[in-house]
Amino acid sequence: MPTILGQNQYGKAENRVVKITRDGATHHIKDLNVSVSLSGDMDEVHYSGSNASVLPTDTTKNTVFAFAKEHGIESAEQFGILLARHFVTSQEPIHRARIRIEEYAWERIEHGGKGAHSFVRQGQETRLTQVTYDGERWEVVSGLKDLVVMNSTDSEFWGYVKDRYTTLPEAYDRILATQVSGRWRFNWTDDEQETPDWEQSYEQTKKHMLRAFAETYSLSLQQTLYQMGARIIDHRGEIDEVRFSLPNKHHFLVDLEPFGLKNATEDGAVYYAADRPYGLIEATILRDGCEARIPVDLTNL
């Protein structure tokens, strides 16, 4: 049976680049994990092994480090845009470039010595961005993962469907905790548009997401998820689509009655934090009139 080549791409994954910018005695860090993926006229290398159209993956690695030095790193998005534009415009066989970046944050350590060059790695979340360019149009999807949040009250869960296998008791005062994995798609798609302030956008988007989590009296994690996405879209005009994947970090009341102890939420309860299995709540929130483009399965983004 004859075969044909389907979708294909190649590149160098997980290039760890750390750029130090010196402003006198004050230093600034950008710590990125950059993955490059290229596609285009690459049929022949698969069919015959000819590398005539192949830019070596080692070259893409070198480009990442050289660009960090030559252009600096203002933001993950800006750096991804520079790289994607370069690969598509400098190599005729390359028609599309996708740059994925994880950014790791560092917090300055305040001390009594001279200079400001000591840092501690922040552990709150990993910042993410994916930049795709086909020579004409851009798609920028940013986000974060591993941001753990909790409300110790103002959460309920009751009135759900019950059948013969239901054992979960209704809860009218519970802990609501999750580990946020979120992506948001910008409506900046071509060079004629004004470029967003990527750093401010990330800070403000995270702020509104956390405000919505904290301020929503939750009757379900689905309701909280929707409020988080809706608040981002309502307050950030540069974003048209938000997708969240929220595992429900279950906290169950410990049965202390065998020890003669009452374990009531109103008295300050003791909980068992279960890591698995967990409920997994996922949804996309869109600006009215916009089309969903962020993949349903975030593991493929």
Foldseek 3Di string as FASTA:
>chain_A
DDDADDDDKDAAFFQWDWDWDDDDLEIDIWTKGKTKIWAFPPRCCVVPVDCPQPDDNVVLSVVLHVCCVVPNDPDPVVSQVVSFLCVCVVGPRTQKMKMKMKIWDWDWDDDDDDGTDDTDTDDQWIKIWMWMDRPFKIKIKIWIWQHKDKDQWLEWEDPDDDDPPDDDDGGHTHMWMWTKTKMWIFPGIGPVDDDDPVVVLVVVLVVLLVCLLHPDSYHDVQVSVQSSFVSSVVVDVRTFKMKIKIWTFDWAFDPCVVVVDDADVVVPGHTDGDPDDTDIDIDMDGDPPDDDDQDRDVVVD
